[in-house]
Each structure stands twice: as C-alpha cells, then as structure tokens.
C-alpha cells in the first residue's frame, strides 16, 4: 500500500437527499495517521459528508477515494461508527458481544470468532476502560459507557481508516478523556481517524487537521490551527445561522 497517498480524498462531492442538496462541491484531503475533525453549525452537512464517504447517501457529482482506491476496494480497511443516539438499546447483547462484532468484517461469512478475535475484543475493551463490564448487558450501561463500547467495537475492527459520527456526544468528562486517549493511541499506530465533532473549543487539543462546513460548503480545510480561527468560524456560523457563545470566541482568540 502506498503510504504517500492521502488516506482520504473527497473531490468536489455533491450529495443529495431527494431534491435537497446537502453537500455542494465539497473537497477535503486527509493525510495518513492523523485525527481529522469535521466541524460546523447544525445542519451544515457534517454527518452527510461522513455518509458520502461511506456510500450511504447519493453522491451526484465528484469522487471519493481511500489511499487512491474506491470504497469497494477498501471496505475491510475502513471502520464506521454511527451516531450512538440512533441505536436501539433493547437488543439482547452483552458488552463483549458488541465489541466482538468489530472483528466480523475480516472473518468472512463462514468463520466464527476464535481465540484471536476474542483477544482483540478483550484488548479493545481494556483500551476504553471497560474490562470489568464485559459481561454486562449493553442496555444497563450509562451513556458514556455505551459510547465507549462502540469505540471499542471500532478498535476491534483494526481499521486503517476510522470514520466516527459524534463519538463524544453525550459523554461525561471521564469518558471523553478515555476516548481521546484511545484515538490518539490508534493514530500513533498509523490509523487515520475522521470524526464529526461539535465542540469547537476542544478540537485543537487533540485533532491535527479539520474541515469546516457551512450549509453544505467547505469553508476551510487543512491544519486545525488554520481552519478553526475566529474569522472562519464567524463566517461559517453567520452563513449557517448557528449560535456561538462568547466563551468560544475567547478561547479561539487565545
């Protein structure tokens, strides 16, 4: 595999939901081994961009490649974590069973998880501090613990590229720190992480690069310090009619 190629490249991508254009000629290049944040006001197209990369929405124009290859050639190397808010927590599964699902993509249809896969699942749970809850029913966990379980499932997939939709949504400070540490460790091994994130004040603390969206357009994309600026954020939120608190401006201006 050619490691000089971008990990992810979206070129003039336009995506629609029926007659509604959710992304309009959006372009983004993400280098290997970084944490890349997708940020912007509500309704700016953040989750849609992630879904466009995964082929989950209709892309009417533009191209998406992973290390120079189309999605169909890279599926086993990509792990996707959807928004946990959309999960039905009533399904009967233990924590360890959910994490083990992350290994299925590399097993194929006829193989069952063995010692190797169970070891991977155990190590992934340890990485998010949930070893003691491995046998607990998933519905019995707190919001932050549930989010960490799904991060562990993503880790168990051992991806080259990880796509995550709001991995910090609804988590407590303790869980947020654990998830950040797990993702930092993951990228240190060469994995690229793309995540939708809503907290502008924390992006620069753990992300290397970012893409800022507003109303389906890319306002800026590149090193996080060049993207998450007062001018760019003001422009993006003025277009998107979002709300920013004074505290956000103060932190960005520091």
C-alpha atoms as a PDB file:
ATOM      1  CA  UNK A   1       0.000   0.000   0.000  1.00  0.00           C
ATOM      2  CA  UNK A   2       1.328   3.419  -0.961  1.00  0.00           C
ATOM      3  CA  UNK A   3       1.615   5.478   2.241  1.00  0.00           C
ATOM      4  CA  UNK A   4       2.462   8.659   0.311  1.00  0.00           C
ATOM      5  CA  UNK A   5      -1.130   8.867  -0.913  1.00  0.00           C
ATOM      6  CA  UNK A   6      -3.736  10.748   1.132  1.00  0.00           C
ATOM      7  CA  UNK A   7      -5.687   8.463   3.441  1.00  0.00           C
ATOM      8  CA  UNK A   8      -8.959  10.040   2.320  1.00  0.00           C
ATOM      9  CA  UNK A   9      -9.673  12.333  -0.590  1.00  0.00           C
ATOM     10  CA  UNK A  10     -13.046  13.834  -1.460  1.00  0.00           C
ATOM     11  CA  UNK A  11     -13.085  15.902  -4.640  1.00  0.00           C
ATOM     12  CA  UNK A  12     -15.991  18.265  -5.441  1.00  0.00           C
ATOM     13  CA  UNK A  13     -18.515  15.927  -3.826  1.00  0.00           C
ATOM     14  CA  UNK A  14     -22.175  16.847  -4.190  1.00  0.00           C
ATOM     15  CA  UNK A  15     -24.664  14.754  -2.196  1.00  0.00           C
ATOM     16  CA  UNK A  16     -28.444  14.913  -2.072  1.00  0.00           C
ATOM     17  CA  UNK A  17     -31.406  13.719  -0.053  1.00  0.00           C
ATOM     18  CA  UNK A  18     -34.088  13.599  -2.711  1.00  0.00           C
ATOM     19  CA  UNK A  19     -34.403  17.152  -4.067  1.00  0.00           C
ATOM     20  CA  UNK A  20     -32.316  18.641  -1.241  1.00  0.00           C
ATOM     21  CA  UNK A  21     -28.608  19.285  -1.830  1.00  0.00           C
ATOM     22  CA  UNK A  22     -26.834  18.517   1.456  1.00  0.00           C
ATOM     23  CA  UNK A  23     -23.249  18.844   0.169  1.00  0.00           C
ATOM     24  CA  UNK A  24     -22.254  21.172  -2.642  1.00  0.00           C
ATOM     25  CA  UNK A  25     -18.902  20.517  -4.353  1.00  0.00           C
ATOM     26  CA  UNK A  26     -17.178  19.679  -1.076  1.00  0.00           C
ATOM     27  CA  UNK A  27     -13.467  18.837  -1.238  1.00  0.00           C
ATOM     28  CA  UNK A  28     -11.227  17.522   1.525  1.00  0.00           C
ATOM     29  CA  UNK A  29      -7.840  15.786   1.735  1.00  0.00           C
ATOM     30  CA  UNK A  30      -6.788  13.884   4.859  1.00  0.00           C
ATOM     31  CA  UNK A  31      -3.251  12.626   5.438  1.00  0.00           C
ATOM     32  CA  UNK A  32      -2.485   9.202   6.938  1.00  0.00           C
ATOM     33  CA  UNK A  33      -2.132   8.867  10.702  1.00  0.00           C
ATOM     34  CA  UNK A  34      -3.988  11.998  11.797  1.00  0.00           C
ATOM     35  CA  UNK A  35      -7.162  12.809  13.703  1.00  0.00           C
ATOM     36  CA  UNK A  36      -9.265  14.945  11.359  1.00  0.00           C
ATOM     37  CA  UNK A  37     -12.326  16.771  12.703  1.00  0.00           C
ATOM     38  CA  UNK A  38     -15.369  17.679  10.631  1.00  0.00           C
ATOM     39  CA  UNK A  39     -16.948  20.713  12.285  1.00  0.00           C
ATOM     40  CA  UNK A  40     -19.607  23.320  11.605  1.00  0.00           C
ATOM     41  CA  UNK A  41     -23.065  24.526  12.620  1.00  0.00           C
ATOM     42  CA  UNK A  42     -26.022  22.171  12.950  1.00  0.00           C
ATOM     43  CA  UNK A  43     -27.292  21.211   9.516  1.00  0.00           C
ATOM     44  CA  UNK A  44     -24.037  22.164   7.803  1.00  0.00           C
ATOM     45  CA  UNK A  45     -23.511  18.711   6.265  1.00  0.00           C
ATOM     46  CA  UNK A  46     -21.078  17.145   8.739  1.00  0.00           C
ATOM     47  CA  UNK A  47     -22.766  13.753   9.059  1.00  0.00           C
ATOM     48  CA  UNK A  48     -23.689  13.830   5.379  1.00  0.00           C
ATOM     49  CA  UNK A  49     -20.024  14.189   4.432  1.00  0.00           C
ATOM     50  CA  UNK A  50     -19.177  11.149   6.533  1.00  0.00           C
ATOM     51  CA  UNK A  51     -22.049   9.188   4.968  1.00  0.00           C
ATOM     52  CA  UNK A  52     -20.942  10.275   1.491  1.00  0.00           C
ATOM     53  CA  UNK A  53     -17.518   8.801   2.195  1.00  0.00           C
ATOM     54  CA  UNK A  54     -19.222   5.531   3.180  1.00  0.00           C
ATOM     55  CA  UNK A  55     -21.571   5.476   0.190  1.00  0.00           C
ATOM     56  CA  UNK A  56     -24.644   5.835   2.411  1.00  0.00           C
ATOM     57  CA  UNK A  57     -26.083   8.855   0.609  1.00  0.00           C
ATOM     58  CA  UNK A  58     -26.490   9.613  -3.075  1.00  0.00           C
ATOM     59  CA  UNK A  59     -23.383  11.298  -4.489  1.00  0.00           C
ATOM     60  CA  UNK A  60     -24.425  13.004  -7.712  1.00  0.00           C
ATOM     61  CA  UNK A  61     -21.063  14.528  -8.528  1.00  0.00           C
ATOM     62  CA  UNK A  62     -17.431  14.178  -7.503  1.00  0.00           C
ATOM     63  CA  UNK A  63     -15.248  11.321  -6.313  1.00  0.00           C
ATOM     64  CA  UNK A  64     -14.178   9.742  -3.034  1.00  0.00           C
ATOM     65  CA  UNK A  65     -11.043   7.619  -2.729  1.00  0.00           C
ATOM     66  CA  UNK A  66      -9.205   5.986   0.161  1.00  0.00           C
ATOM     67  CA  UNK A  67      -5.456   5.771  -0.400  1.00  0.00           C
ATOM     68  CA  UNK A  68      -6.191   6.271  -4.065  1.00  0.00           C
ATOM     69  CA  UNK A  69      -8.712   3.421  -4.225  1.00  0.00           C
ATOM     70  CA  UNK A  70     -12.524   3.387  -4.324  1.00  0.00           C
ATOM     71  CA  UNK A  71     -14.563   2.346  -1.298  1.00  0.00           C
ATOM     72  CA  UNK A  72     -15.359  -1.073  -2.787  1.00  0.00           C
ATOM     73  CA  UNK A  73     -11.643  -1.951  -2.742  1.00  0.00           C
ATOM     74  CA  UNK A  74     -11.089  -0.690   0.814  1.00  0.00           C
ATOM     75  CA  UNK A  75     -14.113  -1.803   2.848  1.00  0.00           C
ATOM     76  CA  UNK A  76     -12.159  -4.243   5.015  1.00  0.00           C
ATOM     77  CA  UNK A  77      -9.745  -1.458   5.962  1.00  0.00           C
ATOM     78  CA  UNK A  78     -12.435   1.037   6.998  1.00  0.00           C
ATOM     79  CA  UNK A  79     -14.470   1.064  10.211  1.00  0.00           C
ATOM     80  CA  UNK A  80     -17.522   3.267  10.669  1.00  0.00           C
ATOM     81  CA  UNK A  81     -19.078   4.318  13.976  1.00  0.00           C
ATOM     82  CA  UNK A  82     -22.546   5.861  13.529  1.00  0.00           C
ATOM     83  CA  UNK A  83     -24.235   8.177  15.982  1.00  0.00           C
ATOM     84  CA  UNK A  84     -24.987   6.172  19.094  1.00  0.00           C
ATOM     85  CA  UNK A  85     -28.184   8.179  19.607  1.00  0.00           C
ATOM     86  CA  UNK A  86     -29.769   6.181  16.787  1.00  0.00           C
ATOM     87  CA  UNK A  87     -29.070   2.775  18.352  1.00  0.00           C
ATOM     88  CA  UNK A  88     -31.868   0.587  19.745  1.00  0.00           C
ATOM     89  CA  UNK A  89     -30.548  -0.306  23.196  1.00  0.00           C
ATOM     90  CA  UNK A  90     -33.140  -3.028  23.781  1.00  0.00           C
ATOM     91  CA  UNK A  91     -31.340  -5.645  21.714  1.00  0.00           C
ATOM     92  CA  UNK A  92     -30.147  -8.549  23.916  1.00  0.00           C
ATOM     93  CA  UNK A  93     -26.364  -8.379  23.801  1.00  0.00           C
ATOM     94  CA  UNK A  94     -23.528  -8.288  26.268  1.00  0.00           C
ATOM     95  CA  UNK A  95     -20.785  -5.690  26.059  1.00  0.00           C
ATOM     96  CA  UNK A  96     -18.248  -8.274  24.886  1.00  0.00           C
ATOM     97  CA  UNK A  97     -20.618  -9.462  22.124  1.00  0.00           C
ATOM     98  CA  UNK A  98     -20.987  -5.940  20.743  1.00  0.00           C
ATOM     99  CA  UNK A  99     -17.223  -5.385  20.694  1.00  0.00           C
ATOM    100  CA  UNK A 100     -16.635  -8.769  19.070  1.00  0.00           C
ATOM    101  CA  UNK A 101     -18.830  -7.623  16.166  1.00  0.00           C
ATOM    102  CA  UNK A 102     -15.972  -5.338  15.173  1.00  0.00           C
ATOM    103  CA  UNK A 103     -13.926  -8.363  14.120  1.00  0.00           C
ATOM    104  CA  UNK A 104     -16.577  -9.781  11.786  1.00  0.00           C
ATOM    105  CA  UNK A 105     -15.527  -7.763   8.737  1.00  0.00           C
ATOM    106  CA  UNK A 106     -12.272  -9.689   8.403  1.00  0.00           C
ATOM    107  CA  UNK A 107     -13.734 -13.119   9.177  1.00  0.00           C
ATOM    108  CA  UNK A 108     -15.932 -13.694   6.169  1.00  0.00           C
ATOM    109  CA  UNK A 109     -19.310 -15.422   6.167  1.00  0.00           C
ATOM    110  CA  UNK A 110     -18.271 -18.929   7.166  1.00  0.00           C
ATOM    111  CA  UNK A 111     -15.864 -18.286  10.040  1.00  0.00           C
ATOM    112  CA  UNK A 112     -16.788 -17.775  13.661  1.00  0.00           C
ATOM    113  CA  UNK A 113     -14.770 -15.645  16.089  1.00  0.00           C
ATOM    114  CA  UNK A 114     -11.960 -17.645  17.654  1.00  0.00           C
ATOM    115  CA  UNK A 115      -9.285 -17.105  20.269  1.00  0.00           C
ATOM    116  CA  UNK A 116      -7.595 -14.394  18.187  1.00  0.00           C
ATOM    117  CA  UNK A 117     -10.785 -12.372  17.756  1.00  0.00           C
ATOM    118  CA  UNK A 118     -11.745 -12.737  21.419  1.00  0.00           C
ATOM    119  CA  UNK A 119      -8.303 -11.492  22.424  1.00  0.00           C
ATOM    120  CA  UNK A 120      -8.704  -8.483  20.134  1.00  0.00           C
ATOM    121  CA  UNK A 121     -12.105  -7.747  21.682  1.00  0.00           C
ATOM    122  CA  UNK A 122     -10.689  -8.036  25.195  1.00  0.00           C
ATOM    123  CA  UNK A 123      -7.801  -5.695  24.372  1.00  0.00           C
ATOM    124  CA  UNK A 124     -10.198  -3.209  22.775  1.00  0.00           C
ATOM    125  CA  UNK A 125     -12.367  -3.158  25.888  1.00  0.00           C
ATOM    126  CA  UNK A 126      -9.274  -2.605  28.013  1.00  0.00           C
ATOM    127  CA  UNK A 127      -8.323   0.368  25.819  1.00  0.00           C
ATOM    128  CA  UNK A 128     -11.560   2.125  26.790  1.00  0.00           C
ATOM    129  CA  UNK A 129     -11.502   1.043  30.435  1.00  0.00           C
ATOM    130  CA  UNK A 130     -14.458  -1.357  30.335  1.00  0.00           C
ATOM    131  CA  UNK A 131     -12.867  -4.721  31.086  1.00  0.00           C
ATOM    132  CA  UNK A 132     -14.902  -5.126  34.274  1.00  0.00           C
ATOM    133  CA  UNK A 133     -18.166  -4.611  32.374  1.00  0.00           C
ATOM    134  CA  UNK A 134     -17.521  -7.159  29.608  1.00  0.00           C
ATOM    135  CA  UNK A 135     -20.387  -9.428  30.672  1.00  0.00           C
ATOM    136  CA  UNK A 136     -22.831  -6.613  31.416  1.00  0.00           C
ATOM    137  CA  UNK A 137     -25.905  -6.201  29.211  1.00  0.00           C
ATOM    138  CA  UNK A 138     -25.395  -3.222  26.902  1.00  0.00           C
ATOM    139  CA  UNK A 139     -28.693  -1.607  27.946  1.00  0.00           C
ATOM    140  CA  UNK A 140     -27.520  -1.420  31.580  1.00  0.00           C
ATOM    141  CA  UNK A 141     -24.660   0.983  30.836  1.00  0.00           C
ATOM    142  CA  UNK A 142     -24.515   4.752  31.203  1.00  0.00           C
ATOM    143  CA  UNK A 143     -24.416   6.984  28.133  1.00  0.00           C
ATOM    144  CA  UNK A 144     -20.659   7.464  28.321  1.00  0.00           C
ATOM    145  CA  UNK A 145     -20.074   3.734  28.795  1.00  0.00           C
ATOM    146  CA  UNK A 146     -22.248   2.879  25.791  1.00  0.00           C
ATOM    147  CA  UNK A 147     -20.253   5.290  23.656  1.00  0.00           C
ATOM    148  CA  UNK A 148     -17.014   3.689  24.838  1.00  0.00           C
ATOM    149  CA  UNK A 149     -18.353   0.232  23.916  1.00  0.00           C
ATOM    150  CA  UNK A 150     -18.887   1.375  20.339  1.00  0.00           C
ATOM    151  CA  UNK A 151     -15.438   2.930  20.255  1.00  0.00           C
ATOM    152  CA  UNK A 152     -14.088  -0.445  21.422  1.00  0.00           C
ATOM    153  CA  UNK A 153     -16.006  -2.167  18.615  1.00  0.00           C
ATOM    154  CA  UNK A 154     -14.345   0.186  16.138  1.00  0.00           C
ATOM    155  CA  UNK A 155     -10.919  -0.560  17.654  1.00  0.00           C
ATOM    156  CA  UNK A 156     -11.606  -4.288  17.349  1.00  0.00           C
ATOM    157  CA  UNK A 157     -12.016  -3.860  13.597  1.00  0.00           C
ATOM    158  CA  UNK A 158      -8.336  -2.825  13.474  1.00  0.00           C
ATOM    159  CA  UNK A 159      -9.017  -0.336  10.675  1.00  0.00           C
ATOM    160  CA  UNK A 160      -6.609   1.602   8.534  1.00  0.00           C
ATOM    161  CA  UNK A 161      -9.208   4.376   8.400  1.00  0.00           C
ATOM    162  CA  UNK A 162     -11.828   5.058  11.088  1.00  0.00           C
ATOM    163  CA  UNK A 163     -14.902   7.206  10.442  1.00  0.00           C
ATOM    164  CA  UNK A 164     -16.801   8.328  13.551  1.00  0.00           C
ATOM    165  CA  UNK A 165     -20.024  10.326  13.783  1.00  0.00           C
ATOM    166  CA  UNK A 166     -20.121  12.351  17.030  1.00  0.00           C
ATOM    167  CA  UNK A 167     -18.070   9.963  19.214  1.00  0.00           C
ATOM    168  CA  UNK A 168     -18.148  12.443  22.112  1.00  0.00           C
ATOM    169  CA  UNK A 169     -21.877  13.206  22.034  1.00  0.00           C
ATOM    170  CA  UNK A 170     -23.470  12.870  25.450  1.00  0.00           C
ATOM    171  CA  UNK A 171     -20.381  11.553  27.240  1.00  0.00           C
ATOM    172  CA  UNK A 172     -19.068  12.588  30.633  1.00  0.00           C
ATOM    173  CA  UNK A 173     -15.639  14.172  31.106  1.00  0.00           C
ATOM    174  CA  UNK A 174     -14.103  10.861  32.198  1.00  0.00           C
ATOM    175  CA  UNK A 175     -15.341   9.004  29.112  1.00  0.00           C
ATOM    176  CA  UNK A 176     -14.275  11.856  26.832  1.00  0.00           C
ATOM    177  CA  UNK A 177     -10.717  11.664  28.131  1.00  0.00           C
ATOM    178  CA  UNK A 178     -10.616   7.874  27.696  1.00  0.00           C
ATOM    179  CA  UNK A 179     -11.933   8.075  24.129  1.00  0.00           C
ATOM    180  CA  UNK A 180      -9.441  10.815  23.219  1.00  0.00           C
ATOM    181  CA  UNK A 181      -6.565   8.745  24.593  1.00  0.00           C
ATOM    182  CA  UNK A 182      -7.742   5.664  22.685  1.00  0.00           C
ATOM    183  CA  UNK A 183      -7.919   7.605  19.414  1.00  0.00           C
ATOM    184  CA  UNK A 184      -4.511   9.182  19.977  1.00  0.00           C
ATOM    185  CA  UNK A 185      -3.040   5.716  20.506  1.00  0.00           C
ATOM    186  CA  UNK A 186      -4.830   4.466  17.397  1.00  0.00           C
ATOM    187  CA  UNK A 187      -3.375   7.182  15.168  1.00  0.00           C
ATOM    188  CA  UNK A 188       0.091   6.601  16.639  1.00  0.00           C
ATOM    189  CA  UNK A 189      -0.095   3.143  15.062  1.00  0.00           C
ATOM    190  CA  UNK A 190      -0.782   4.721  11.648  1.00  0.00           C
ATOM    191  CA  UNK A 191      -4.585   4.654  11.530  1.00  0.00           C
ATOM    192  CA  UNK A 192      -6.378   7.737  10.209  1.00  0.00           C
ATOM    193  CA  UNK A 193      -9.391   8.959  12.190  1.00  0.00           C
ATOM    194  CA  UNK A 194     -12.119  11.206  10.764  1.00  0.00           C
ATOM    195  CA  UNK A 195     -14.715  12.337  13.259  1.00  0.00           C
ATOM    196  CA  UNK A 196     -17.671  14.664  13.344  1.00  0.00           C
ATOM    197  CA  UNK A 197     -17.235  16.939  16.343  1.00  0.00           C
ATOM    198  CA  UNK A 198     -19.322  19.781  17.751  1.00  0.00           C
ATOM    199  CA  UNK A 199     -17.081  21.277  20.458  1.00  0.00           C
ATOM    200  CA  UNK A 200     -15.006  23.952  18.740  1.00  0.00           C
ATOM    201  CA  UNK A 201     -13.027  24.754  21.881  1.00  0.00           C
ATOM    202  CA  UNK A 202     -11.558  21.244  22.161  1.00  0.00           C
ATOM    203  CA  UNK A 203     -10.793  20.485  18.509  1.00  0.00           C
ATOM    204  CA  UNK A 204      -7.282  21.926  18.603  1.00  0.00           C
ATOM    205  CA  UNK A 205      -6.463  19.977  21.768  1.00  0.00           C
ATOM    206  CA  UNK A 206      -6.458  16.554  20.119  1.00  0.00           C
ATOM    207  CA  UNK A 207      -7.107  16.917  16.372  1.00  0.00           C
ATOM    208  CA  UNK A 208      -4.351  17.529  13.831  1.00  0.00           C
ATOM    209  CA  UNK A 209      -6.444  18.734  10.893  1.00  0.00           C
ATOM    210  CA  UNK A 210     -10.043  19.789  10.286  1.00  0.00           C
ATOM    211  CA  UNK A 211     -12.698  20.607   7.718  1.00  0.00           C
ATOM    212  CA  UNK A 212     -15.169  23.390   8.498  1.00  0.00           C
ATOM    213  CA  UNK A 213     -18.564  23.223   6.783  1.00  0.00           C
ATOM    214  CA  UNK A 214     -21.472  25.627   6.464  1.00  0.00           C
ATOM    215  CA  UNK A 215     -24.662  24.925   4.510  1.00  0.00           C
ATOM    216  CA  UNK A 216     -23.029  22.078   2.626  1.00  0.00           C
ATOM    217  CA  UNK A 217     -19.996  24.109   1.550  1.00  0.00           C
ATOM    218  CA  UNK A 218     -16.404  23.741   2.752  1.00  0.00           C
ATOM    219  CA  UNK A 219     -15.345  26.996   4.403  1.00  0.00           C
ATOM    220  CA  UNK A 220     -11.808  25.783   5.157  1.00  0.00           C
ATOM    221  CA  UNK A 221      -9.864  22.526   5.328  1.00  0.00           C
ATOM    222  CA  UNK A 222      -6.318  21.819   6.490  1.00  0.00           C
ATOM    223  CA  UNK A 223      -4.241  22.121   9.683  1.00  0.00           C
ATOM    224  CA  UNK A 224      -6.587  22.682  12.605  1.00  0.00           C
ATOM    225  CA  UNK A 225      -4.906  25.967  13.572  1.00  0.00           C
ATOM    226  CA  UNK A 226      -5.575  27.357  10.093  1.00  0.00           C
ATOM    227  CA  UNK A 227      -9.178  26.144   9.978  1.00  0.00           C
ATOM    228  CA  UNK A 228     -10.574  26.827  13.443  1.00  0.00           C
ATOM    229  CA  UNK A 229      -9.985  30.579  13.525  1.00  0.00           C
ATOM    230  CA  UNK A 230     -12.204  33.425  14.666  1.00  0.00           C
ATOM    231  CA  UNK A 231     -12.655  34.661  11.083  1.00  0.00           C
ATOM    232  CA  UNK A 232     -13.526  31.228   9.662  1.00  0.00           C
ATOM    233  CA  UNK A 233     -15.867  30.333  12.498  1.00  0.00           C
ATOM    234  CA  UNK A 234     -17.608  33.706  12.322  1.00  0.00           C
ATOM    235  CA  UNK A 235     -18.108  33.238   8.580  1.00  0.00           C
ATOM    236  CA  UNK A 236     -19.363  29.656   8.917  1.00  0.00           C
ATOM    237  CA  UNK A 237     -21.838  30.394  11.678  1.00  0.00           C
ATOM    238  CA  UNK A 238     -23.074  33.573  10.026  1.00  0.00           C
ATOM    239  CA  UNK A 239     -23.913  31.563   6.906  1.00  0.00           C
ATOM    240  CA  UNK A 240     -25.348  28.669   8.858  1.00  0.00           C
ATOM    241  CA  UNK A 241     -27.228  30.887  11.301  1.00  0.00           C
ATOM    242  CA  UNK A 242     -25.789  28.915  14.199  1.00  0.00           C
ATOM    243  CA  UNK A 243     -25.114  30.259  17.652  1.00  0.00           C
ATOM    244  CA  UNK A 244     -21.723  30.772  19.260  1.00  0.00           C
ATOM    245  CA  UNK A 245     -21.137  31.743  22.852  1.00  0.00           C
ATOM    246  CA  UNK A 246     -18.680  34.418  23.873  1.00  0.00           C
ATOM    247  CA  UNK A 247     -16.572  31.744  25.541  1.00  0.00           C
ATOM    248  CA  UNK A 248     -15.901  30.069  22.206  1.00  0.00           C
ATOM    249  CA  UNK A 249     -14.653  33.329  20.714  1.00  0.00           C
ATOM    250  CA  UNK A 250     -12.456  33.957  23.733  1.00  0.00           C
ATOM    251  CA  UNK A 251     -10.812  30.520  23.517  1.00  0.00           C
ATOM    252  CA  UNK A 252     -10.270  30.759  19.754  1.00  0.00           C
ATOM    253  CA  UNK A 253      -8.708  34.176  20.143  1.00  0.00           C
ATOM    254  CA  UNK A 254      -6.140  32.999  22.690  1.00  0.00           C
END
